[in-house]
């Protein structure tokens, strides 16, 4: 009788161990694979520094696209954007090297980590319909799909709320009618004392440190990380393009 009971105990323990082992295997799903094409384009060399006191008449002739970043999946798996982080590194971002803290943190200052469902673009833009400035905020890069309308009005387009698959493009941009704060090379933020636009960040600048200092012919490193396994699934130094600069 005792022998039978011991056998039952051993059987139960073995079953529990096998279950835990197989459960652990199931939890370790491999990272997806995907190939991306990334474009970073600077279209205007001297981007105007507008603010909410800029007269409406100014925008009769100023409405062009200043800069943008586009990320398109070319091939690979479908990946929920909530499982991704996008990391960019702009070696041209200004850092005040005379400041000890800035000098010691220059890599972090030049790096932007875009996390899903964390609002990173918060700004005011000049609305050509109402002829006035209106607020906008959201999570970029947004899903580039015009059926949803303006990205800041539709959380479905925010990074973290859609799935990426071949053919899908993510975008973050900067137009002349959007307010953008100056870059602070001492704090590594878009927050300069005395700047009336402090804290206002366009989509493009939310994705790249010191978006004012993105130069055609220079390179920006872009990484895409699959966060459940902390795996870098794509990385490349992207050449900044310039049209008419």
Protein backbone atom coordinates (compact mmCIF):
# COMPACT_ATOMS: atom_id res chain seq x y z
CA UNK A 1 0.00 0.00 0.00
CA UNK A 2 2.82 2.38 0.94
CA UNK A 3 4.61 1.51 -2.30
CA UNK A 4 1.53 2.34 -4.34
CA UNK A 5 1.15 5.68 -2.56
CA UNK A 6 4.81 6.53 -3.21
CA UNK A 7 4.38 5.72 -6.89
CA UNK A 8 1.33 7.99 -7.05
CA UNK A 9 3.27 10.85 -5.40
CA UNK A 10 6.18 10.42 -7.82
CA UNK A 11 3.76 10.36 -10.78
CA UNK A 12 2.05 13.57 -9.64
CA UNK A 13 5.40 15.31 -9.12
CA UNK A 14 6.65 14.25 -12.56
CA UNK A 15 3.44 15.44 -14.18
CA UNK A 16 3.78 18.84 -12.47
CA UNK A 17 7.41 19.15 -13.56
CA UNK A 18 6.57 18.29 -17.18
CA UNK A 19 3.66 20.76 -17.15
CA UNK A 20 5.86 23.55 -15.79
CA UNK A 21 8.57 22.77 -18.36
CA UNK A 22 6.18 22.75 -21.33
CA UNK A 23 4.48 25.86 -20.00
CA UNK A 24 7.85 27.59 -19.92
CA UNK A 25 8.52 26.52 -23.49
CA UNK A 26 5.21 27.98 -24.62
CA UNK A 27 6.07 31.29 -22.95
CA UNK A 28 9.32 31.54 -24.92
CA UNK A 29 7.81 32.30 -28.32
CA UNK A 30 10.46 33.26 -30.86
CA UNK A 31 10.71 36.88 -31.95
CA UNK A 32 9.03 37.67 -35.27
CA UNK A 33 11.08 38.49 -38.34
CA UNK A 34 10.49 41.44 -40.64
CA UNK A 35 12.29 43.59 -43.15
CA UNK A 36 11.64 47.33 -43.22
CA UNK A 37 12.34 50.30 -45.45
CA UNK A 38 12.92 53.56 -43.58
CA UNK A 39 13.01 57.02 -45.13
CA UNK A 40 14.06 60.15 -43.27
CA UNK A 41 13.63 63.29 -45.35
CA UNK A 42 14.38 66.95 -44.64
CA UNK A 43 12.60 69.15 -47.19
CA UNK A 44 13.17 72.71 -45.94
CA UNK A 45 16.59 73.93 -44.84
CA UNK A 46 15.39 76.91 -42.77
CA UNK A 47 12.22 75.81 -41.03
CA UNK A 48 10.28 78.83 -39.72
CA UNK A 49 9.92 79.15 -35.96
CA UNK A 50 6.23 80.00 -35.68
CA UNK A 51 4.16 80.42 -32.52
CA UNK A 52 0.54 81.16 -31.59
CA UNK A 53 1.08 84.88 -32.12
CA UNK A 54 2.10 84.36 -35.76
CA UNK A 55 -0.48 86.25 -37.87
CA UNK A 56 -2.94 84.12 -39.80
CA UNK A 57 -1.94 85.84 -43.05
CA UNK A 58 1.48 84.19 -42.75
CA UNK A 59 -0.06 80.80 -43.50
CA UNK A 60 -1.47 81.92 -46.84
CA UNK A 61 1.94 81.06 -48.28
CA UNK A 62 3.41 78.74 -45.63
CA UNK A 63 1.96 75.25 -45.47
CA UNK A 64 4.66 72.94 -46.85
CA UNK A 65 5.87 69.66 -45.39
CA UNK A 66 9.18 70.31 -43.61
CA UNK A 67 10.42 66.84 -42.70
CA UNK A 68 9.18 63.30 -42.20
CA UNK A 69 10.14 59.76 -41.27
CA UNK A 70 8.41 56.78 -42.87
CA UNK A 71 8.75 53.14 -41.80
CA UNK A 72 7.28 50.53 -44.15
CA UNK A 73 7.29 46.78 -43.57
CA UNK A 74 8.46 45.17 -46.81
CA UNK A 75 8.24 41.52 -45.83
CA UNK A 76 7.86 39.31 -42.78
CA UNK A 77 5.42 38.62 -39.98
CA UNK A 78 2.40 40.58 -38.80
CA UNK A 79 3.41 42.27 -35.52
CA UNK A 80 1.19 44.18 -33.08
CA UNK A 81 2.78 47.59 -32.60
CA UNK A 82 2.09 47.28 -28.86
CA UNK A 83 4.92 44.72 -28.84
CA UNK A 84 7.46 47.06 -30.42
CA UNK A 85 9.74 49.93 -29.49
CA UNK A 86 11.44 52.15 -32.04
CA UNK A 87 14.80 53.63 -31.08
CA UNK A 88 16.54 56.37 -33.07
CA UNK A 89 19.98 57.88 -32.59
CA UNK A 90 20.85 61.24 -34.13
CA UNK A 91 24.62 61.84 -33.86
CA UNK A 92 24.09 65.41 -35.10
CA UNK A 93 21.82 66.36 -32.19
CA UNK A 94 23.36 69.30 -30.34
CA UNK A 95 24.77 68.55 -26.90
CA UNK A 96 26.24 71.27 -24.69
CA UNK A 97 29.55 69.53 -24.00
CA UNK A 98 30.66 72.31 -21.65
CA UNK A 99 27.99 71.08 -19.23
CA UNK A 100 29.17 68.08 -17.18
CA UNK A 101 25.76 66.39 -16.97
CA UNK A 102 25.09 66.83 -20.68
CA UNK A 103 28.58 65.57 -21.55
CA UNK A 104 28.09 62.45 -19.43
CA UNK A 105 24.66 61.75 -20.94
CA UNK A 106 25.27 62.72 -24.55
CA UNK A 107 24.31 59.28 -25.89
CA UNK A 108 20.96 59.39 -24.09
CA UNK A 109 20.39 62.99 -25.24
CA UNK A 110 20.86 61.96 -28.87
CA UNK A 111 18.58 58.92 -28.51
CA UNK A 112 14.79 58.78 -28.74
CA UNK A 113 12.88 55.72 -27.53
CA UNK A 114 9.35 55.55 -28.96
CA UNK A 115 7.13 53.42 -26.74
CA UNK A 116 3.63 52.19 -27.65
CA UNK A 117 0.65 54.03 -26.18
CA UNK A 118 2.80 56.74 -24.60
CA UNK A 119 1.82 60.17 -25.94
CA UNK A 120 4.92 61.77 -27.43
CA UNK A 121 3.54 64.36 -29.89
CA UNK A 122 1.72 67.28 -28.26
CA UNK A 123 1.42 70.46 -30.19
CA UNK A 124 -0.60 73.29 -31.69
CA UNK A 125 -1.23 73.54 -35.41
CA UNK A 126 -2.78 76.20 -37.61
CA UNK A 127 -6.10 74.90 -38.95
CA UNK A 128 -6.73 76.23 -42.46
CA UNK A 129 -10.47 75.59 -42.11
CA UNK A 130 -11.07 77.50 -38.89
CA UNK A 131 -8.13 79.87 -39.53
CA UNK A 132 -6.94 79.49 -35.96
CA UNK A 133 -4.52 77.44 -33.86
CA UNK A 134 -5.85 74.21 -32.39
CA UNK A 135 -4.28 71.62 -30.07
CA UNK A 136 -3.29 68.12 -31.15
CA UNK A 137 -1.66 65.18 -29.42
CA UNK A 138 -1.10 61.48 -29.96
CA UNK A 139 1.40 58.66 -30.30
CA UNK A 140 3.64 58.61 -33.34
CA UNK A 141 4.64 57.18 -35.72
CA UNK A 142 1.02 56.93 -36.75
CA UNK A 143 -0.63 54.43 -39.08
CA UNK A 144 -0.56 56.10 -42.48
CA UNK A 145 -4.09 55.35 -43.65
CA UNK A 146 -6.24 58.24 -44.84
CA UNK A 147 -9.51 56.43 -44.17
CA UNK A 148 -9.07 57.37 -40.50
CA UNK A 149 -8.59 61.07 -41.21
CA UNK A 150 -6.21 63.12 -39.09
CA UNK A 151 -4.07 60.89 -36.87
CA UNK A 152 -4.43 63.03 -33.72
CA UNK A 153 -8.21 62.62 -33.87
CA UNK A 154 -8.16 58.82 -34.16
CA UNK A 155 -6.39 56.73 -31.48
CA UNK A 156 -6.68 53.69 -33.78
CA UNK A 157 -3.81 55.20 -35.75
CA UNK A 158 -1.58 55.72 -32.70
CA UNK A 159 1.54 53.61 -32.28
CA UNK A 160 0.55 50.69 -30.07
CA UNK A 161 -3.02 50.40 -31.37
CA UNK A 162 -2.49 48.79 -34.78
CA UNK A 163 -0.76 45.78 -36.30
CA UNK A 164 2.13 46.10 -38.71
CA UNK A 165 2.34 43.78 -41.70
CA UNK A 166 3.87 43.93 -45.18
CA UNK A 167 2.63 47.02 -47.00
CA UNK A 168 1.84 49.02 -43.85
CA UNK A 169 3.56 52.40 -43.45
CA UNK A 170 4.13 54.33 -40.22
CA UNK A 171 4.71 58.07 -40.44
CA UNK A 172 5.78 61.00 -38.29
CA UNK A 173 5.96 64.42 -39.91
CA UNK A 174 6.41 68.15 -39.44
CA UNK A 175 4.54 70.80 -41.45
CA UNK A 176 5.14 74.55 -41.54
CA UNK A 177 1.84 75.22 -39.78
CA UNK A 178 2.88 73.22 -36.69
CA UNK A 179 4.53 74.84 -33.69
CA UNK A 180 7.83 73.26 -32.63
CA UNK A 181 9.91 74.07 -29.56
CA UNK A 182 13.64 74.66 -29.70
CA UNK A 183 16.06 71.91 -28.67
CA UNK A 184 17.85 72.22 -25.33
CA UNK A 185 21.36 70.74 -25.58
CA UNK A 186 21.85 71.01 -21.82
CA UNK A 187 18.82 68.94 -20.81
CA UNK A 188 18.28 66.86 -23.95
CA UNK A 189 14.67 68.04 -24.27
CA UNK A 190 12.52 70.36 -26.34
CA UNK A 191 12.25 72.75 -23.42
CA UNK A 192 14.30 75.96 -23.44
CA UNK A 193 13.75 78.68 -20.84
CA UNK A 194 12.11 81.69 -22.45
CA UNK A 195 11.00 79.81 -25.56
CA UNK A 196 7.27 80.56 -26.04
CA UNK A 197 6.94 77.20 -27.78
CA UNK A 198 8.60 75.17 -25.00
CA UNK A 199 7.13 71.68 -24.70
CA UNK A 200 5.44 71.70 -28.12
CA UNK A 201 6.68 68.70 -30.09
CA UNK A 202 5.76 67.71 -33.65
CA UNK A 203 5.56 64.08 -34.71
CA UNK A 204 8.91 64.21 -36.48
CA UNK A 205 10.71 65.72 -33.50
CA UNK A 206 9.03 63.23 -31.14
CA UNK A 207 10.85 60.49 -33.05
CA UNK A 208 14.26 62.13 -33.48
CA UNK A 209 16.37 64.06 -30.98
CA UNK A 210 17.00 67.65 -32.08
CA UNK A 211 14.81 67.47 -35.16
CA UNK A 212 16.01 70.95 -36.07
CA UNK A 213 19.45 69.47 -36.67
CA UNK A 214 18.68 66.67 -39.12
CA UNK A 215 20.90 67.16 -42.14
CA UNK A 216 20.68 65.55 -45.59
CA UNK A 217 23.72 63.37 -46.19
CA UNK A 218 24.07 62.45 -42.51
CA UNK A 219 22.97 59.16 -40.98
CA UNK A 220 20.47 58.36 -38.23
CA UNK A 221 20.44 54.90 -36.67
CA UNK A 222 17.02 53.26 -36.39
CA UNK A 223 16.33 50.12 -34.33
CA UNK A 224 13.07 48.21 -34.02
CA UNK A 225 12.83 46.08 -30.89
CA UNK A 226 10.39 43.25 -30.17
CA UNK A 227 9.79 43.88 -26.48
CA UNK A 228 8.39 40.49 -25.29
CA UNK A 229 11.84 38.96 -25.95
CA UNK A 230 13.88 42.21 -26.00
CA UNK A 231 15.10 41.31 -29.48
CA UNK A 232 16.31 43.82 -32.04
CA UNK A 233 14.50 42.60 -35.15
CA UNK A 234 15.77 45.36 -37.48
CA UNK A 235 18.56 47.93 -37.35
CA UNK A 236 20.13 50.22 -39.91
CA UNK A 237 21.95 53.53 -40.32
CA UNK A 238 19.53 55.49 -42.48
CA UNK A 239 20.84 58.17 -44.84
CA UNK A 240 18.89 61.42 -44.44
CA UNK A 241 17.54 62.54 -47.78
CA UNK A 242 16.91 66.11 -48.84
CA UNK A 243 14.81 67.44 -51.66
CA UNK A 244 15.74 70.86 -52.94
CA UNK A 245 18.22 71.57 -50.12
